[in-house]
Amino acid sequence: MEIVNVYSPIEDKKIRTNFKDSPIWEKASTEEEFMENPKRYPFWYRYTFKFDGTKVVMFTKVKKLAN
């Protein structure tokens, strides 16, 4: 398993129960994409997941990032 940070401007307070169908995936970015233009949105959320290949298997934490 691999731990991956996913960046999204969308806050999902119900992500613990429905991370696979969360709206965060609509505007999800990798760390590299986030670093290219971090001021694109006033707030970002860094969601940390455990992946098994390309499959998300567990949500671990979220942190709000401000510009």
Protein backbone atom coordinates (compact mmCIF):
# COMPACT_ATOMS: atom_id res chain seq x y z
CA MET A 1 0.00 0.00 0.00
CA GLU A 2 1.04 3.55 -0.75
CA ILE A 3 0.12 6.69 1.19
CA VAL A 4 -0.96 9.48 -1.18
CA ASN A 5 -1.89 13.11 -0.57
CA VAL A 6 -4.69 14.45 -2.76
CA TYR A 7 -5.33 18.19 -2.97
CA SER A 8 -8.77 19.62 -3.62
CA PRO A 9 -10.50 22.98 -3.09
CA ILE A 10 -13.65 21.10 -2.10
CA GLU A 11 -14.34 20.38 1.56
CA ASP A 12 -16.15 17.11 2.22
CA LYS A 13 -17.18 16.68 5.84
CA LYS A 14 -18.62 13.23 5.08
CA ILE A 15 -15.47 11.84 3.46
CA ARG A 16 -14.91 9.27 6.21
CA THR A 17 -18.05 7.41 5.23
CA ASN A 18 -18.04 7.83 1.46
CA PHE A 19 -14.51 8.55 0.24
CA LYS A 20 -14.86 6.63 -3.03
CA ASP A 21 -17.76 8.80 -4.29
CA SER A 22 -16.67 12.06 -2.65
CA PRO A 23 -17.05 15.33 -4.59
CA ILE A 24 -13.36 16.12 -3.90
CA TRP A 25 -12.41 13.96 -6.86
CA GLU A 26 -14.05 16.44 -9.29
CA LYS A 27 -11.21 18.95 -8.75
CA ALA A 28 -8.56 16.67 -7.25
CA SER A 29 -4.90 17.48 -7.88
CA THR A 30 -1.63 15.74 -7.24
CA GLU A 31 0.99 17.48 -5.13
CA GLU A 32 2.86 18.51 -8.28
CA GLU A 33 -0.27 20.07 -9.81
CA PHE A 34 -1.04 21.84 -6.53
CA MET A 35 2.49 23.29 -6.31
CA GLU A 36 2.28 24.70 -9.86
CA ASN A 37 -0.50 27.11 -8.85
CA PRO A 38 -1.37 26.96 -5.14
CA LYS A 39 -3.16 30.34 -5.22
CA ARG A 40 -5.69 29.14 -7.78
CA TYR A 41 -8.22 28.74 -4.93
CA PRO A 42 -8.32 30.62 -1.59
CA PHE A 43 -8.40 27.35 0.36
CA TRP A 44 -7.19 23.85 -0.35
CA TYR A 45 -7.72 20.64 1.55
CA ARG A 46 -5.04 17.98 1.69
CA TYR A 47 -6.66 14.58 1.98
CA THR A 48 -4.46 11.62 2.82
CA PHE A 49 -5.41 8.18 1.55
CA LYS A 50 -3.98 4.71 1.38
CA PHE A 51 -3.98 3.32 -2.15
CA ASP A 52 -3.56 -0.25 -3.32
CA GLY A 53 -2.39 0.36 -6.87
CA THR A 54 -5.00 2.72 -8.32
CA LYS A 55 -7.70 1.74 -5.83
CA VAL A 56 -8.38 3.89 -2.75
CA VAL A 57 -8.68 1.58 0.25
CA MET A 58 -8.63 3.94 3.25
CA PHE A 59 -9.01 7.61 4.17
CA THR A 60 -6.62 8.66 6.94
CA LYS A 61 -6.80 12.44 7.49
CA VAL A 62 -7.58 15.89 6.12
CA LYS A 63 -5.90 19.27 6.64
CA LYS A 64 -7.12 22.70 5.53
CA LEU A 65 -4.47 24.78 3.77
CA ALA A 66 -4.85 28.56 3.36
CA ASN A 67 -2.96 30.83 0.96
